[in-house]
Amino acid sequence: MNRLLMLALLGLSLVLSACGKKEEVPPPPTTGVEGVKQEAAAAVGAAEEQAKKMRDEFVAKAQQEMDELNVKLTEIKAKAQTMTGEAKAKVDQQIQNLEQEQKTAAQKLGELKSATGEKWNELKAGTSEAMDRFKQAVQKSKEGS
């Protein structure tokens, strides 16, 4: 009899607990013009966020590379201070060329940091090219000295 009473109470508690739960129903999909507008706005927002993230990563990487190249340029300048004669004249000319490449790359990077949209894509390519030229010039100068 105790078993029967226990089973009855267990069954009753299961039935009562199941009655209190409501099944979660997902909201109906949006339809019509307003639904399409909302979905489009969400997609545009996600795309803009992704583009901003990519832009920020590119700018940070370019800035880091610029900082490293500036350190190398400073090292080249320090080394030039110890040179004399024709070797010093050659390195001084290289330094002038490096400073011009540095100035161009820094200007492109500055423009890139404030650019948005299509202009950013154009400037990204120009900045990459300027940074590559600066990097190659530094490398060539370090090899030559």
Protein backbone atom coordinates (compact mmCIF):
# COMPACT_ATOMS: atom_id res chain seq x y z
CA MET A 1 0.00 0.00 0.00
CA ASN A 2 2.87 2.37 0.81
CA ARG A 3 4.34 1.66 -2.59
CA LEU A 4 1.08 2.44 -4.27
CA LEU A 5 0.74 5.68 -2.33
CA MET A 6 4.31 6.66 -3.19
CA LEU A 7 3.77 5.96 -6.88
CA ALA A 8 0.54 7.95 -6.86
CA LEU A 9 2.22 10.94 -5.23
CA LEU A 10 5.15 10.75 -7.65
CA GLY A 11 2.84 10.60 -10.65
CA LEU A 12 0.76 13.49 -9.32
CA SER A 13 3.85 15.64 -8.76
CA LEU A 14 5.09 14.93 -12.30
CA VAL A 15 1.72 15.85 -13.80
CA LEU A 16 1.49 19.06 -11.80
CA SER A 17 5.05 20.14 -12.65
CA ALA A 18 4.47 19.52 -16.37
CA CYS A 19 1.29 21.61 -16.33
CA GLY A 20 3.12 24.67 -15.07
CA LYS A 21 5.68 24.75 -17.90
CA LYS A 22 4.94 26.54 -21.10
CA GLU A 23 6.59 25.53 -24.31
CA GLU A 24 8.78 28.29 -25.69
CA VAL A 25 7.71 29.21 -29.16
CA PRO A 26 10.15 31.21 -31.28
CA PRO A 27 8.80 34.49 -32.57
CA PRO A 28 7.29 34.25 -36.01
CA PRO A 29 9.60 35.25 -38.84
CA THR A 30 9.17 38.81 -39.96
CA THR A 31 7.47 39.20 -43.27
CA GLY A 32 6.57 42.04 -45.48
CA VAL A 33 8.40 45.28 -46.12
CA GLU A 34 9.12 46.05 -42.47
CA GLY A 35 10.56 42.59 -41.91
CA VAL A 36 12.83 42.92 -44.91
CA LYS A 37 13.94 46.38 -43.73
CA GLN A 38 14.78 45.02 -40.29
CA GLU A 39 16.73 42.09 -41.73
CA ALA A 40 18.58 44.39 -44.13
CA ALA A 41 19.44 46.81 -41.35
CA ALA A 42 20.76 43.95 -39.21
CA ALA A 43 22.85 42.65 -42.12
CA VAL A 44 24.26 46.11 -42.86
CA GLY A 45 25.10 46.60 -39.18
CA ALA A 46 26.92 43.27 -39.06
CA ALA A 47 28.84 44.06 -42.26
CA GLU A 48 29.82 47.50 -40.95
CA GLU A 49 31.01 45.99 -37.68
CA GLN A 50 33.10 43.40 -39.53
CA ALA A 51 34.58 46.07 -41.80
CA LYS A 52 35.46 48.23 -38.78
CA LYS A 53 37.13 45.29 -37.09
CA MET A 54 39.18 44.52 -40.21
CA ARG A 55 40.09 48.20 -40.57
CA ASP A 56 41.20 48.48 -36.96
CA GLU A 57 43.31 45.32 -37.27
CA PHE A 58 44.96 46.55 -40.47
CA VAL A 59 45.70 49.99 -39.01
CA ALA A 60 47.15 48.45 -35.83
CA LYS A 61 49.37 46.11 -37.83
CA ALA A 62 50.53 48.94 -40.12
CA GLN A 63 51.26 51.17 -37.12
CA GLN A 64 53.26 48.41 -35.46
CA GLU A 65 55.25 47.89 -38.65
CA MET A 66 55.83 51.65 -38.95
CA ASP A 67 57.12 51.76 -35.36
CA GLU A 68 59.53 48.88 -36.04
CA LEU A 69 60.82 50.52 -39.22
CA ASN A 70 61.32 53.81 -37.38
CA VAL A 71 63.48 52.00 -34.82
CA LYS A 72 65.57 50.53 -37.63
CA LEU A 73 65.92 53.95 -39.22
CA THR A 74 67.13 55.34 -35.90
CA GLU A 75 69.71 52.53 -35.73
CA ILE A 76 70.92 53.36 -39.24
CA LYS A 77 71.25 57.03 -38.28
CA ALA A 78 73.24 56.10 -35.18
CA LYS A 79 75.54 53.91 -37.23
CA ALA A 80 76.03 56.74 -39.74
CA GLN A 81 77.30 58.97 -36.92
CA THR A 82 80.27 56.66 -36.49
CA MET A 83 81.18 56.67 -40.19
CA THR A 84 83.46 59.00 -42.09
CA GLY A 85 84.30 59.92 -45.65
CA GLU A 86 82.66 58.33 -48.66
CA ALA A 87 80.88 55.65 -46.61
CA LYS A 88 79.22 58.31 -44.46
CA ALA A 89 78.17 60.29 -47.54
CA LYS A 90 76.60 57.17 -49.04
CA VAL A 91 74.72 56.32 -45.84
CA ASP A 92 73.60 59.94 -45.40
CA GLN A 93 72.08 59.81 -48.89
CA GLN A 94 70.33 56.56 -47.99
CA ILE A 95 69.01 58.17 -44.82
CA GLN A 96 67.55 61.06 -46.83
CA ASN A 97 65.81 58.56 -49.10
CA LEU A 98 64.57 56.59 -46.08
CA GLU A 99 63.22 59.71 -44.44
CA GLN A 100 61.26 60.52 -47.61
CA GLU A 101 59.82 56.99 -47.71
CA GLN A 102 59.05 57.26 -44.00
CA LYS A 103 57.26 60.57 -44.50
CA THR A 104 55.17 59.15 -47.37
CA ALA A 105 54.25 56.02 -45.41
CA ALA A 106 53.36 58.03 -42.30
CA GLN A 107 51.18 60.37 -44.35
CA LYS A 108 49.34 57.45 -45.99
CA LEU A 109 48.86 55.79 -42.61
CA GLY A 110 47.46 59.02 -41.17
CA GLU A 111 45.00 59.35 -44.06
CA LEU A 112 44.01 55.71 -43.65
CA LYS A 113 43.24 56.13 -39.95
CA SER A 114 40.59 58.74 -40.68
CA ALA A 115 39.15 57.25 -43.89
CA THR A 116 35.87 55.39 -44.19
CA GLY A 117 34.00 53.39 -46.81
CA GLU A 118 35.32 53.15 -50.35
CA LYS A 119 37.99 55.75 -49.68
CA TRP A 120 39.39 53.46 -47.00
CA ASN A 121 39.79 50.61 -49.49
CA GLU A 122 41.68 52.89 -51.88
CA LEU A 123 43.92 54.23 -49.12
CA LYS A 124 44.57 50.74 -47.77
CA ALA A 125 46.24 49.77 -51.03
CA GLY A 126 48.26 52.99 -51.12
CA THR A 127 49.34 52.58 -47.52
CA SER A 128 50.41 48.99 -48.13
CA GLU A 129 52.51 50.07 -51.10
CA ALA A 130 54.12 52.94 -49.18
CA MET A 131 54.88 50.70 -46.21
CA ASP A 132 56.38 48.07 -48.52
CA ARG A 133 58.62 50.68 -50.18
CA PHE A 134 59.75 51.98 -46.79
CA LYS A 135 60.42 48.44 -45.56
CA GLN A 136 62.41 47.53 -48.69
CA ALA A 137 64.41 50.76 -48.47
CA VAL A 138 65.28 50.09 -44.82
CA GLN A 139 66.23 46.50 -45.61
CA LYS A 140 68.38 47.57 -48.56
CA SER A 141 70.06 50.23 -46.45
CA LYS A 142 70.81 47.79 -43.62
CA GLU A 143 72.30 45.31 -46.09
CA GLY A 144 74.41 47.99 -47.74
CA SER A 145 75.87 49.39 -44.55
